[in-house]
Amino acid sequence: MRPSFHPRIVNGPFDDPALFISFTHERRALLFDAGDISPLSTRDVLKISHVFISHTHMDHFIGFDRLLRLALGREKMIHLFGPDNFLENLEGKLAGYTWNLTHRYENRFTIHATEVRRTGQSHQVYDCRTGFAPDGPPRTVPFDPELLREPALTVRTAILDHHIPCLGFRLQERFHVNILKDRLIEMGLDVGPWLAEFKAALFAGEPDESPFRVPTPGGGREFSLGSLKDRIARISPGQRIAYITDAAGTPDNISRMIELARGADLMFIEAAFLEADRAMAAEKAHLTAAQAGRIAAQAGVGAFTVFHFSPRYAGMDYLLTEEARRAAAETAPDIAHGPVLRD
């Protein structure tokens, strides 16, 4: 079964955080944090539709400038999400440049930004043709942990503590539709855009008895959605990916992390310090590698990747990965297939 999402950490474990997740059969990607994204090709950057920022420390947000520069002059819309003060910080970045020419641009680039707080969420739109001036007062709605809700997927958040609010995220595919190519051949059906329409009908929850027309050289064949699903598709649980960084290892934070990542196929989690330096980790509101491993085990994830190591361990990254691996194994010794550390 070919997965729908293809996640990859953009930089090395000592460098800026950024998780790029591309979609199978779509020219689309999501970005979790926007540290240095120069390793991403222009083509990859332009696939990004939504950016989820944990917090606006420089190493998590400096890559926004590259995204902005590449999107200018193109017909494009980008959705951004971030924690308390996000709109103010975003507007500060936009105000750092002169936009006296953008009103002439033939193509319109717009930014749709959402600031996520426990007390509510504020939405704002910035249009390049107006020099990215806010389009009016922010529109505020009650807090909803599901930041993105589409027929095929959701992105959920948890608000964590890093001495400032910091967001953790979970991407979840509702279910996975695997097309059985050999069945298509047996039925004399060609691969084509109709398969995307077929999957969209399934994600939309259309009734099994709904008619569905498959185009053919002879003009098309009619099926019920349910009979076609039974013949050409295998439905399985969807992918689940969690992303957690820059959060203190407090009991409340750890509880929120475990709940957010519970049952994920893959979790990306920071491991900034060794357990021997736990006091320093607590002072700086970061996790130790041992804490990261224990969280992975307690959340019951299938696999996890540790990243965002403190530069004090340069050349000793193996110590952090081994500590996380050992802590996970010790926390879940009775689980035959416990969490696997993925380098």
C-alpha atoms as a PDB file:
ATOM      1  CA  MET A   1       0.000   0.000   0.000  1.00  0.00           C
ATOM      2  CA  ARG A   2       1.446   3.337  -1.033  1.00  0.00           C
ATOM      3  CA  PRO A   3       1.045   5.967   1.730  1.00  0.00           C
ATOM      4  CA  SER A   4      -0.776   9.236   1.112  1.00  0.00           C
ATOM      5  CA  PHE A   5       1.723  11.363   3.075  1.00  0.00           C
ATOM      6  CA  HIS A   6       5.507  11.455   2.698  1.00  0.00           C
ATOM      7  CA  PRO A   7       7.109  13.257   5.671  1.00  0.00           C
ATOM      8  CA  ARG A   8      10.725  14.354   5.820  1.00  0.00           C
ATOM      9  CA  ILE A   9      12.688  16.538   8.188  1.00  0.00           C
ATOM     10  CA  VAL A  10      14.188  19.328   6.080  1.00  0.00           C
ATOM     11  CA  ASN A  11      17.394  19.821   8.096  1.00  0.00           C
ATOM     12  CA  GLY A  12      19.763  17.851  10.297  1.00  0.00           C
ATOM     13  CA  PRO A  13      18.958  17.258  13.985  1.00  0.00           C
ATOM     14  CA  PHE A  14      21.107  20.206  15.132  1.00  0.00           C
ATOM     15  CA  ASP A  15      19.622  22.629  12.606  1.00  0.00           C
ATOM     16  CA  ASP A  16      16.365  24.588  12.312  1.00  0.00           C
ATOM     17  CA  PRO A  17      13.129  22.595  12.686  1.00  0.00           C
ATOM     18  CA  ALA A  18      10.932  22.123   9.622  1.00  0.00           C
ATOM     19  CA  LEU A  19       8.870  19.073   8.675  1.00  0.00           C
ATOM     20  CA  PHE A  20       7.797  18.881   5.023  1.00  0.00           C
ATOM     21  CA  ILE A  21       4.952  16.474   4.184  1.00  0.00           C
ATOM     22  CA  SER A  22       4.144  15.946   0.513  1.00  0.00           C
ATOM     23  CA  PHE A  23       1.022  14.231  -0.821  1.00  0.00           C
ATOM     24  CA  THR A  24       0.916  11.251  -3.189  1.00  0.00           C
ATOM     25  CA  HIS A  25      -0.608  12.073  -6.600  1.00  0.00           C
ATOM     26  CA  GLU A  26      -1.071  15.744  -5.633  1.00  0.00           C
ATOM     27  CA  ARG A  27       1.051  18.818  -6.172  1.00  0.00           C
ATOM     28  CA  ARG A  28       0.524  19.736  -2.558  1.00  0.00           C
ATOM     29  CA  ALA A  29       2.423  19.707   0.738  1.00  0.00           C
ATOM     30  CA  LEU A  30       2.093  20.803   4.353  1.00  0.00           C
ATOM     31  CA  LEU A  31       4.879  22.412   6.392  1.00  0.00           C
ATOM     32  CA  PHE A  32       5.209  22.090  10.160  1.00  0.00           C
ATOM     33  CA  ASP A  33       7.495  24.877  11.391  1.00  0.00           C
ATOM     34  CA  ALA A  34       9.463  27.072   9.030  1.00  0.00           C
ATOM     35  CA  GLY A  35      13.035  27.255  10.153  1.00  0.00           C
ATOM     36  CA  ASP A  36      15.654  27.358   7.413  1.00  0.00           C
ATOM     37  CA  ILE A  37      13.866  25.864   4.383  1.00  0.00           C
ATOM     38  CA  SER A  38      16.607  26.593   1.834  1.00  0.00           C
ATOM     39  CA  PRO A  39      17.198  22.830   1.306  1.00  0.00           C
ATOM     40  CA  LEU A  40      13.688  22.604  -0.193  1.00  0.00           C
ATOM     41  CA  SER A  41      13.531  23.126  -3.940  1.00  0.00           C
ATOM     42  CA  THR A  42      11.419  25.936  -5.361  1.00  0.00           C
ATOM     43  CA  ARG A  43       9.075  23.297  -6.726  1.00  0.00           C
ATOM     44  CA  ASP A  44       8.585  21.810  -3.267  1.00  0.00           C
ATOM     45  CA  VAL A  45       8.070  25.188  -1.585  1.00  0.00           C
ATOM     46  CA  LEU A  46       5.376  26.096  -4.106  1.00  0.00           C
ATOM     47  CA  LYS A  47       3.492  22.900  -3.261  1.00  0.00           C
ATOM     48  CA  ILE A  48       2.911  24.141   0.292  1.00  0.00           C
ATOM     49  CA  SER A  49      -0.722  25.033   0.985  1.00  0.00           C
ATOM     50  CA  HIS A  50      -0.713  25.187   4.807  1.00  0.00           C
ATOM     51  CA  VAL A  51       2.022  26.094   7.305  1.00  0.00           C
ATOM     52  CA  PHE A  52       1.693  25.228  10.994  1.00  0.00           C
ATOM     53  CA  ILE A  53       4.086  27.213  13.212  1.00  0.00           C
ATOM     54  CA  SER A  54       4.729  25.919  16.734  1.00  0.00           C
ATOM     55  CA  HIS A  55       5.950  29.371  17.891  1.00  0.00           C
ATOM     56  CA  THR A  56       7.767  32.328  16.401  1.00  0.00           C
ATOM     57  CA  HIS A  57      11.282  31.943  17.767  1.00  0.00           C
ATOM     58  CA  MET A  58      13.602  32.714  14.876  1.00  0.00           C
ATOM     59  CA  ASP A  59      14.712  29.127  14.269  1.00  0.00           C
ATOM     60  CA  HIS A  60      11.071  28.095  13.710  1.00  0.00           C
ATOM     61  CA  PHE A  61       9.890  31.011  11.572  1.00  0.00           C
ATOM     62  CA  ILE A  62      12.784  32.484   9.595  1.00  0.00           C
ATOM     63  CA  GLY A  63      11.926  30.338   6.563  1.00  0.00           C
ATOM     64  CA  PHE A  64       8.692  32.264   6.089  1.00  0.00           C
ATOM     65  CA  ASP A  65      10.661  34.893   4.143  1.00  0.00           C
ATOM     66  CA  ARG A  66      11.672  32.348   1.493  1.00  0.00           C
ATOM     67  CA  LEU A  67       8.105  31.130   1.204  1.00  0.00           C
ATOM     68  CA  LEU A  68       6.930  34.734   0.820  1.00  0.00           C
ATOM     69  CA  ARG A  69       9.532  35.548  -1.811  1.00  0.00           C
ATOM     70  CA  LEU A  70       8.757  32.504  -3.967  1.00  0.00           C
ATOM     71  CA  ALA A  71       4.992  32.960  -3.768  1.00  0.00           C
ATOM     72  CA  LEU A  72       5.027  36.631  -4.809  1.00  0.00           C
ATOM     73  CA  GLY A  73       3.842  37.182  -8.359  1.00  0.00           C
ATOM     74  CA  ARG A  74       1.965  33.868  -8.434  1.00  0.00           C
ATOM     75  CA  GLU A  75      -1.724  33.088  -8.140  1.00  0.00           C
ATOM     76  CA  LYS A  76      -1.498  31.417  -4.764  1.00  0.00           C
ATOM     77  CA  MET A  77      -3.118  31.225  -1.348  1.00  0.00           C
ATOM     78  CA  ILE A  78      -1.261  30.058   1.761  1.00  0.00           C
ATOM     79  CA  HIS A  79      -2.824  29.302   5.142  1.00  0.00           C
ATOM     80  CA  LEU A  80      -0.716  29.961   8.248  1.00  0.00           C
ATOM     81  CA  PHE A  81      -1.394  28.913  11.838  1.00  0.00           C
ATOM     82  CA  GLY A  82       0.498  29.990  14.935  1.00  0.00           C
ATOM     83  CA  PRO A  83       0.126  30.626  18.699  1.00  0.00           C
ATOM     84  CA  ASP A  84      -0.495  33.768  20.812  1.00  0.00           C
ATOM     85  CA  ASN A  85       0.712  37.011  19.176  1.00  0.00           C
ATOM     86  CA  PHE A  86       1.097  35.257  15.826  1.00  0.00           C
ATOM     87  CA  LEU A  87      -0.789  37.895  13.830  1.00  0.00           C
ATOM     88  CA  GLU A  88       1.288  40.686  15.363  1.00  0.00           C
ATOM     89  CA  ASN A  89       4.532  38.853  14.612  1.00  0.00           C
ATOM     90  CA  LEU A  90       3.455  38.024  11.055  1.00  0.00           C
ATOM     91  CA  GLU A  91       2.459  41.625  10.411  1.00  0.00           C
ATOM     92  CA  GLY A  92       5.833  42.725  11.742  1.00  0.00           C
ATOM     93  CA  LYS A  93       7.565  40.547   9.171  1.00  0.00           C
ATOM     94  CA  LEU A  94       5.344  41.826   6.358  1.00  0.00           C
ATOM     95  CA  ALA A  95       5.911  45.424   7.462  1.00  0.00           C
ATOM     96  CA  GLY A  96       9.666  44.955   7.114  1.00  0.00           C
ATOM     97  CA  TYR A  97       9.447  45.206   3.316  1.00  0.00           C
ATOM     98  CA  THR A  98       8.271  47.873   0.864  1.00  0.00           C
ATOM     99  CA  TRP A  99       5.273  46.850  -1.273  1.00  0.00           C
ATOM    100  CA  ASN A 100       4.816  49.853  -3.572  1.00  0.00           C
ATOM    101  CA  LEU A 101       4.734  47.669  -6.733  1.00  0.00           C
ATOM    102  CA  THR A 102       2.525  44.763  -5.725  1.00  0.00           C
ATOM    103  CA  HIS A 103      -0.749  46.572  -6.558  1.00  0.00           C
ATOM    104  CA  ARG A 104       0.228  46.104 -10.227  1.00  0.00           C
ATOM    105  CA  TYR A 105       0.705  42.351 -10.000  1.00  0.00           C
ATOM    106  CA  GLU A 106      -1.462  40.406 -12.390  1.00  0.00           C
ATOM    107  CA  ASN A 107      -1.537  37.387 -10.087  1.00  0.00           C
ATOM    108  CA  ARG A 108      -2.863  37.628  -6.561  1.00  0.00           C
ATOM    109  CA  PHE A 109      -1.024  36.081  -3.631  1.00  0.00           C
ATOM    110  CA  THR A 110      -2.944  36.016  -0.355  1.00  0.00           C
ATOM    111  CA  ILE A 111      -2.068  34.880   3.149  1.00  0.00           C
ATOM    112  CA  HIS A 112      -4.832  33.542   5.384  1.00  0.00           C
ATOM    113  CA  ALA A 113      -3.503  33.546   8.942  1.00  0.00           C
ATOM    114  CA  THR A 114      -4.961  32.130  12.152  1.00  0.00           C
ATOM    115  CA  GLU A 115      -3.756  32.911  15.657  1.00  0.00           C
ATOM    116  CA  VAL A 116      -4.574  30.046  18.035  1.00  0.00           C
ATOM    117  CA  ARG A 117      -5.237  30.806  21.715  1.00  0.00           C
ATOM    118  CA  ARG A 118      -7.064  28.938  24.467  1.00  0.00           C
ATOM    119  CA  THR A 119      -9.575  31.803  24.581  1.00  0.00           C
ATOM    120  CA  GLY A 120     -10.301  31.736  20.845  1.00  0.00           C
ATOM    121  CA  GLN A 121      -8.874  31.907  17.334  1.00  0.00           C
ATOM    122  CA  SER A 122      -8.419  35.066  15.273  1.00  0.00           C
ATOM    123  CA  HIS A 123      -8.363  34.997  11.466  1.00  0.00           C
ATOM    124  CA  GLN A 124      -6.872  37.634   9.193  1.00  0.00           C
ATOM    125  CA  VAL A 125      -6.318  37.923   5.429  1.00  0.00           C
ATOM    126  CA  TYR A 126      -3.374  39.725   3.811  1.00  0.00           C
ATOM    127  CA  ASP A 127      -3.432  40.472   0.069  1.00  0.00           C
ATOM    128  CA  CYS A 128      -0.282  41.342  -1.882  1.00  0.00           C
ATOM    129  CA  ARG A 129      -2.236  43.884  -3.978  1.00  0.00           C
ATOM    130  CA  THR A 130      -2.902  45.992  -0.890  1.00  0.00           C
ATOM    131  CA  GLY A 131       0.685  45.734   0.337  1.00  0.00           C
ATOM    132  CA  PHE A 132      -0.369  42.954   2.717  1.00  0.00           C
ATOM    133  CA  ALA A 133      -2.423  45.365   4.794  1.00  0.00           C
ATOM    134  CA  PRO A 134      -4.956  43.542   7.008  1.00  0.00           C
ATOM    135  CA  ASP A 135      -8.335  43.379   5.280  1.00  0.00           C
ATOM    136  CA  GLY A 136     -10.135  44.594   8.415  1.00  0.00           C
ATOM    137  CA  PRO A 137     -10.355  43.713  12.100  1.00  0.00           C
ATOM    138  CA  PRO A 138      -9.486  40.080  12.880  1.00  0.00           C
ATOM    139  CA  ARG A 139     -12.444  37.697  12.893  1.00  0.00           C
ATOM    140  CA  THR A 140     -12.487  35.772  16.165  1.00  0.00           C
ATOM    141  CA  VAL A 141     -14.144  32.404  16.766  1.00  0.00           C
ATOM    142  CA  PRO A 142     -14.057  29.996  19.744  1.00  0.00           C
ATOM    143  CA  PHE A 143     -11.019  27.744  20.125  1.00  0.00           C
ATOM    144  CA  ASP A 144     -11.240  24.550  18.070  1.00  0.00           C
ATOM    145  CA  PRO A 145      -8.371  22.041  18.301  1.00  0.00           C
ATOM    146  CA  GLU A 146      -9.073  20.929  14.713  1.00  0.00           C
ATOM    147  CA  LEU A 147      -7.295  23.673  12.814  1.00  0.00           C
ATOM    148  CA  LEU A 148      -7.816  22.082   9.421  1.00  0.00           C
ATOM    149  CA  ARG A 149     -10.760  19.897   8.536  1.00  0.00           C
ATOM    150  CA  GLU A 150     -11.022  18.474   5.017  1.00  0.00           C
ATOM    151  CA  PRO A 151     -12.931  15.438   3.727  1.00  0.00           C
ATOM    152  CA  ALA A 152      -9.729  13.354   3.614  1.00  0.00           C
ATOM    153  CA  LEU A 153      -7.744  14.703   6.577  1.00  0.00           C
ATOM    154  CA  THR A 154      -7.585  16.797   9.713  1.00  0.00           C
ATOM    155  CA  VAL A 155      -4.829  18.686  11.518  1.00  0.00           C
ATOM    156  CA  ARG A 156      -5.303  18.934  15.272  1.00  0.00           C
ATOM    157  CA  THR A 157      -3.350  21.002  17.782  1.00  0.00           C
ATOM    158  CA  ALA A 158      -2.512  21.020  21.479  1.00  0.00           C
ATOM    159  CA  ILE A 159      -1.300  24.157  23.238  1.00  0.00           C
ATOM    160  CA  LEU A 160       1.910  23.387  25.144  1.00  0.00           C
ATOM    161  CA  ASP A 161       4.135  25.423  27.465  1.00  0.00           C
ATOM    162  CA  HIS A 162       7.596  26.645  26.394  1.00  0.00           C
ATOM    163  CA  HIS A 163       7.561  29.610  28.818  1.00  0.00           C
ATOM    164  CA  ILE A 164       5.331  30.915  26.028  1.00  0.00           C
ATOM    165  CA  PRO A 165       2.450  29.070  24.323  1.00  0.00           C
ATOM    166  CA  CYS A 166       3.758  26.602  21.751  1.00  0.00           C
ATOM    167  CA  LEU A 167       1.653  24.423  19.453  1.00  0.00           C
ATOM    168  CA  GLY A 168       2.010  20.686  18.875  1.00  0.00           C
ATOM    169  CA  PHE A 169       0.277  19.125  15.869  1.00  0.00           C
ATOM    170  CA  ARG A 170      -1.270  15.882  14.636  1.00  0.00           C
ATOM    171  CA  LEU A 171      -2.040  15.158  10.980  1.00  0.00           C
ATOM    172  CA  GLN A 172      -4.600  12.397  10.480  1.00  0.00           C
ATOM    173  CA  GLU A 173      -5.931  10.850   7.296  1.00  0.00           C
ATOM    174  CA  ARG A 174      -9.581   9.813   7.790  1.00  0.00           C
ATOM    175  CA  PHE A 175      -9.012   6.500   6.017  1.00  0.00           C
ATOM    176  CA  HIS A 176      -6.797   5.291   3.216  1.00  0.00           C
ATOM    177  CA  VAL A 177      -8.144   4.304  -0.196  1.00  0.00           C
ATOM    178  CA  ASN A 178      -5.837   1.919  -2.037  1.00  0.00           C
ATOM    179  CA  ILE A 179      -6.806   1.404  -5.683  1.00  0.00           C
ATOM    180  CA  LEU A 180      -6.338  -2.177  -6.877  1.00  0.00           C
ATOM    181  CA  LYS A 181      -4.753  -1.711 -10.284  1.00  0.00           C
ATOM    182  CA  ASP A 182      -5.138  -5.365 -11.271  1.00  0.00           C
ATOM    183  CA  ARG A 183      -8.893  -5.080 -10.723  1.00  0.00           C
ATOM    184  CA  LEU A 184      -9.007  -2.021 -12.983  1.00  0.00           C
ATOM    185  CA  ILE A 185      -7.289  -4.024 -15.706  1.00  0.00           C
ATOM    186  CA  GLU A 186      -9.687  -6.951 -15.248  1.00  0.00           C
ATOM    187  CA  MET A 187     -12.655  -4.578 -15.606  1.00  0.00           C
ATOM    188  CA  GLY A 188     -11.153  -2.807 -18.609  1.00  0.00           C
ATOM    189  CA  LEU A 189     -10.971   0.544 -16.814  1.00  0.00           C
ATOM    190  CA  ASP A 190      -8.185   3.070 -17.344  1.00  0.00           C
ATOM    191  CA  VAL A 191      -6.359   5.015 -14.652  1.00  0.00           C
ATOM    192  CA  GLY A 192      -7.337   8.669 -14.858  1.00  0.00           C
ATOM    193  CA  PRO A 193      -8.669  11.787 -13.107  1.00  0.00           C
ATOM    194  CA  TRP A 194     -11.912   9.954 -12.376  1.00  0.00           C
ATOM    195  CA  LEU A 195     -10.119   8.086  -9.577  1.00  0.00           C
ATOM    196  CA  ALA A 196      -9.651  11.357  -7.683  1.00  0.00           C
ATOM    197  CA  GLU A 197     -13.386  12.017  -8.076  1.00  0.00           C
ATOM    198  CA  PHE A 198     -14.097   8.476  -6.882  1.00  0.00           C
ATOM    199  CA  LYS A 199     -11.969   8.972  -3.742  1.00  0.00           C
ATOM    200  CA  ALA A 200     -13.579  12.366  -3.124  1.00  0.00           C
ATOM    201  CA  ALA A 201     -17.012  10.729  -3.202  1.00  0.00           C
ATOM    202  CA  LEU A 202     -15.869   8.168  -0.619  1.00  0.00           C
ATOM    203  CA  PHE A 203     -14.399  10.823   1.690  1.00  0.00           C
ATOM    204  CA  ALA A 204     -17.570  12.891   1.319  1.00  0.00           C
ATOM    205  CA  GLY A 205     -19.558   9.919   2.633  1.00  0.00           C
ATOM    206  CA  GLU A 206     -21.852   9.622  -0.371  1.00  0.00           C
ATOM    207  CA  PRO A 207     -24.283   6.669  -0.105  1.00  0.00           C
ATOM    208  CA  ASP A 208     -23.241   3.326  -1.603  1.00  0.00           C
ATOM    209  CA  GLU A 209     -26.228   3.424  -3.946  1.00  0.00           C
ATOM    210  CA  SER A 210     -25.126   6.733  -5.481  1.00  0.00           C
ATOM    211  CA  PRO A 211     -24.478   6.426  -9.237  1.00  0.00           C
ATOM    212  CA  PHE A 212     -20.902   6.878 -10.379  1.00  0.00           C
ATOM    213  CA  ARG A 213     -19.898   7.153 -14.025  1.00  0.00           C
ATOM    214  CA  VAL A 214     -16.455   6.020 -15.170  1.00  0.00           C
ATOM    215  CA  PRO A 215     -15.329   7.528 -18.494  1.00  0.00           C
ATOM    216  CA  THR A 216     -14.304   5.018 -21.165  1.00  0.00           C
ATOM    217  CA  PRO A 217     -13.350   5.324 -24.839  1.00  0.00           C
ATOM    218  CA  GLY A 218     -16.869   4.154 -25.672  1.00  0.00           C
ATOM    219  CA  GLY A 219     -18.490   6.938 -23.662  1.00  0.00           C
ATOM    220  CA  GLY A 220     -18.599   5.699 -20.065  1.00  0.00           C
ATOM    221  CA  ARG A 221     -19.850   2.964 -17.747  1.00  0.00           C
ATOM    222  CA  GLU A 222     -22.277   3.372 -14.873  1.00  0.00           C
ATOM    223  CA  PHE A 223     -21.748   1.791 -11.435  1.00  0.00           C
ATOM    224  CA  SER A 224     -23.107   2.279  -7.967  1.00  0.00           C
ATOM    225  CA  LEU A 225     -20.467   3.849  -5.737  1.00  0.00           C
ATOM    226  CA  GLY A 226     -20.621   0.915  -3.319  1.00  0.00           C
ATOM    227  CA  SER A 227     -20.215  -1.811  -5.950  1.00  0.00           C
ATOM    228  CA  LEU A 228     -17.274   0.025  -7.514  1.00  0.00           C
ATOM    229  CA  LYS A 229     -15.662   0.472  -4.089  1.00  0.00           C
ATOM    230  CA  ASP A 230     -16.015  -3.253  -3.357  1.00  0.00           C
ATOM    231  CA  ARG A 231     -14.401  -4.183  -6.668  1.00  0.00           C
ATOM    232  CA  ILE A 232     -11.494  -1.750  -7.086  1.00  0.00           C
ATOM    233  CA  ALA A 233     -10.612  -0.354  -3.636  1.00  0.00           C
ATOM    234  CA  ARG A 234      -9.223  -1.530  -0.347  1.00  0.00           C
ATOM    235  CA  ILE A 235     -10.095   0.723   2.591  1.00  0.00           C
ATOM    236  CA  SER A 236      -7.676   0.783   5.527  1.00  0.00           C
ATOM    237  CA  PRO A 237      -6.949   3.066   8.502  1.00  0.00           C
ATOM    238  CA  GLY A 238      -5.428   6.411   7.536  1.00  0.00           C
ATOM    239  CA  GLN A 239      -1.957   7.665   8.375  1.00  0.00           C
ATOM    240  CA  ARG A 240      -1.365   9.517  11.637  1.00  0.00           C
ATOM    241  CA  ILE A 241       1.658  11.788  12.108  1.00  0.00           C
ATOM    242  CA  ALA A 242       2.436  13.838  15.238  1.00  0.00           C
ATOM    243  CA  TYR A 243       4.864  16.756  15.522  1.00  0.00           C
ATOM    244  CA  ILE A 244       6.022  18.073  18.909  1.00  0.00           C
ATOM    245  CA  THR A 245       8.847  20.471  19.667  1.00  0.00           C
ATOM    246  CA  ASP A 246       9.949  23.118  22.184  1.00  0.00           C
ATOM    247  CA  ALA A 247       7.894  22.102  25.186  1.00  0.00           C
ATOM    248  CA  ALA A 248       8.795  21.745  28.836  1.00  0.00           C
ATOM    249  CA  GLY A 249       8.768  18.251  30.321  1.00  0.00           C
ATOM    250  CA  THR A 250       6.138  19.126  32.932  1.00  0.00           C
ATOM    251  CA  PRO A 251       3.419  16.611  33.893  1.00  0.00           C
ATOM    252  CA  ASP A 252       0.704  18.729  32.260  1.00  0.00           C
ATOM    253  CA  ASN A 253       2.697  19.146  29.034  1.00  0.00           C
ATOM    254  CA  ILE A 254       3.586  15.463  28.889  1.00  0.00           C
ATOM    255  CA  SER A 255      -0.066  14.503  29.355  1.00  0.00           C
ATOM    256  CA  ARG A 256      -1.056  16.780  26.452  1.00  0.00           C
ATOM    257  CA  MET A 257       1.718  15.381  24.236  1.00  0.00           C
ATOM    258  CA  ILE A 258       0.736  11.785  24.918  1.00  0.00           C
ATOM    259  CA  GLU A 259      -2.902  12.500  24.137  1.00  0.00           C
ATOM    260  CA  LEU A 260      -2.026  14.365  20.937  1.00  0.00           C
ATOM    261  CA  ALA A 261       0.284  11.620  19.656  1.00  0.00           C
ATOM    262  CA  ARG A 262      -1.694   8.611  20.898  1.00  0.00           C
ATOM    263  CA  GLY A 263      -1.613   5.770  18.373  1.00  0.00           C
ATOM    264  CA  ALA A 264       0.270   7.789  15.736  1.00  0.00           C
ATOM    265  CA  ASP A 265       2.105   5.796  13.086  1.00  0.00           C
ATOM    266  CA  LEU A 266       5.011   8.229  13.299  1.00  0.00           C
ATOM    267  CA  MET A 267       5.904  10.958  15.766  1.00  0.00           C
ATOM    268  CA  PHE A 268       8.527  13.652  15.329  1.00  0.00           C
ATOM    269  CA  ILE A 269       9.573  14.849  18.789  1.00  0.00           C
ATOM    270  CA  GLU A 270      12.340  17.098  20.024  1.00  0.00           C
ATOM    271  CA  ALA A 271      15.127  15.706  22.207  1.00  0.00           C
ATOM    272  CA  ALA A 272      17.092  18.824  23.021  1.00  0.00           C
ATOM    273  CA  PHE A 273      19.105  17.596  26.036  1.00  0.00           C
ATOM    274  CA  LEU A 274      20.421  14.453  27.649  1.00  0.00           C
ATOM    275  CA  GLU A 275      18.782  13.278  30.869  1.00  0.00           C
ATOM    276  CA  ALA A 276      21.995  14.144  32.734  1.00  0.00           C
ATOM    277  CA  ASP A 277      21.257  17.773  31.826  1.00  0.00           C
ATOM    278  CA  ARG A 278      17.605  17.616  32.848  1.00  0.00           C
ATOM    279  CA  ALA A 279      17.894  20.728  35.046  1.00  0.00           C
ATOM    280  CA  MET A 280      19.080  22.711  32.038  1.00  0.00           C
ATOM    281  CA  ALA A 281      16.256  21.260  29.919  1.00  0.00           C
ATOM    282  CA  ALA A 282      13.723  22.340  32.538  1.00  0.00           C
ATOM    283  CA  GLU A 283      15.220  25.833  32.734  1.00  0.00           C
ATOM    284  CA  LYS A 284      14.974  26.237  28.971  1.00  0.00           C
ATOM    285  CA  ALA A 285      11.566  24.455  28.743  1.00  0.00           C
ATOM    286  CA  HIS A 286      12.758  21.647  26.462  1.00  0.00           C
ATOM    287  CA  LEU A 287      12.530  17.846  26.573  1.00  0.00           C
ATOM    288  CA  THR A 288      15.356  15.438  27.257  1.00  0.00           C
ATOM    289  CA  ALA A 289      15.927  12.508  24.934  1.00  0.00           C
ATOM    290  CA  ALA A 290      14.765  10.137  27.688  1.00  0.00           C
ATOM    291  CA  GLN A 291      11.540  12.080  28.105  1.00  0.00           C
ATOM    292  CA  ALA A 292      10.984  11.965  24.350  1.00  0.00           C
ATOM    293  CA  GLY A 293      11.429   8.187  24.300  1.00  0.00           C
ATOM    294  CA  ARG A 294       9.085   7.693  27.252  1.00  0.00           C
ATOM    295  CA  ILE A 295       6.416   9.896  25.655  1.00  0.00           C
ATOM    296  CA  ALA A 296       6.654   7.886  22.427  1.00  0.00           C
ATOM    297  CA  ALA A 297       6.170   4.638  24.375  1.00  0.00           C
ATOM    298  CA  GLN A 298       3.321   5.954  26.514  1.00  0.00           C
ATOM    299  CA  ALA A 299       1.546   7.322  23.435  1.00  0.00           C
ATOM    300  CA  GLY A 300       1.824   3.923  21.751  1.00  0.00           C
ATOM    301  CA  VAL A 301       3.246   5.310  18.519  1.00  0.00           C
ATOM    302  CA  GLY A 302       4.485   2.950  15.837  1.00  0.00           C
ATOM    303  CA  ALA A 303       7.762   4.806  15.287  1.00  0.00           C
ATOM    304  CA  PHE A 304       9.346   8.078  16.291  1.00  0.00           C
ATOM    305  CA  THR A 305      12.116  10.413  15.158  1.00  0.00           C
ATOM    306  CA  VAL A 306      14.005  12.697  17.530  1.00  0.00           C
ATOM    307  CA  PHE A 307      15.351  16.053  16.360  1.00  0.00           C
ATOM    308  CA  HIS A 308      16.164  19.637  17.465  1.00  0.00           C
ATOM    309  CA  PHE A 309      19.272  18.682  19.460  1.00  0.00           C
ATOM    310  CA  SER A 310      21.126  21.317  21.479  1.00  0.00           C
ATOM    311  CA  PRO A 311      24.397  22.355  19.775  1.00  0.00           C
ATOM    312  CA  ARG A 312      26.215  21.526  23.017  1.00  0.00           C
ATOM    313  CA  TYR A 313      26.127  17.880  21.817  1.00  0.00           C
ATOM    314  CA  ALA A 314      27.594  18.538  18.368  1.00  0.00           C
ATOM    315  CA  GLY A 315      29.270  15.358  17.141  1.00  0.00           C
ATOM    316  CA  MET A 316      27.524  13.341  19.868  1.00  0.00           C
ATOM    317  CA  ASP A 317      24.058  12.966  18.356  1.00  0.00           C
ATOM    318  CA  TYR A 318      24.296   9.201  18.863  1.00  0.00           C
ATOM    319  CA  LEU A 319      24.064   9.787  22.633  1.00  0.00           C
ATOM    320  CA  LEU A 320      20.674  11.475  22.250  1.00  0.00           C
ATOM    321  CA  THR A 321      19.259   8.891  19.857  1.00  0.00           C
ATOM    322  CA  GLU A 322      20.466   5.996  21.997  1.00  0.00           C
ATOM    323  CA  GLU A 323      19.038   7.547  25.169  1.00  0.00           C
ATOM    324  CA  ALA A 324      15.663   8.021  23.481  1.00  0.00           C
ATOM    325  CA  ARG A 325      15.726   4.458  22.131  1.00  0.00           C
ATOM    326  CA  ARG A 326      16.599   2.993  25.524  1.00  0.00           C
ATOM    327  CA  ALA A 327      13.955   5.014  27.371  1.00  0.00           C
ATOM    328  CA  ALA A 328      11.246   3.902  24.949  1.00  0.00           C
ATOM    329  CA  ALA A 329      12.232   0.259  25.288  1.00  0.00           C
ATOM    330  CA  GLU A 330      12.333   0.459  29.099  1.00  0.00           C
ATOM    331  CA  THR A 331       8.941   2.181  29.244  1.00  0.00           C
ATOM    332  CA  ALA A 332       7.186  -0.415  27.084  1.00  0.00           C
ATOM    333  CA  PRO A 333       9.084  -3.670  27.799  1.00  0.00           C
ATOM    334  CA  ASP A 334       5.970  -5.847  27.540  1.00  0.00           C
ATOM    335  CA  ILE A 335       4.924  -4.589  24.107  1.00  0.00           C
ATOM    336  CA  ALA A 336       6.136  -6.990  21.432  1.00  0.00           C
ATOM    337  CA  HIS A 337       6.281  -4.247  18.830  1.00  0.00           C
ATOM    338  CA  GLY A 338       6.982  -1.113  20.836  1.00  0.00           C
ATOM    339  CA  PRO A 339       7.908   2.238  19.329  1.00  0.00           C
ATOM    340  CA  VAL A 340      10.764   2.088  16.861  1.00  0.00           C
ATOM    341  CA  LEU A 341      13.269   4.952  16.740  1.00  0.00           C
ATOM    342  CA  ARG A 342      13.637   6.024  13.124  1.00  0.00           C
ATOM    343  CA  ASP A 343      16.879   7.871  12.377  1.00  0.00           C
END
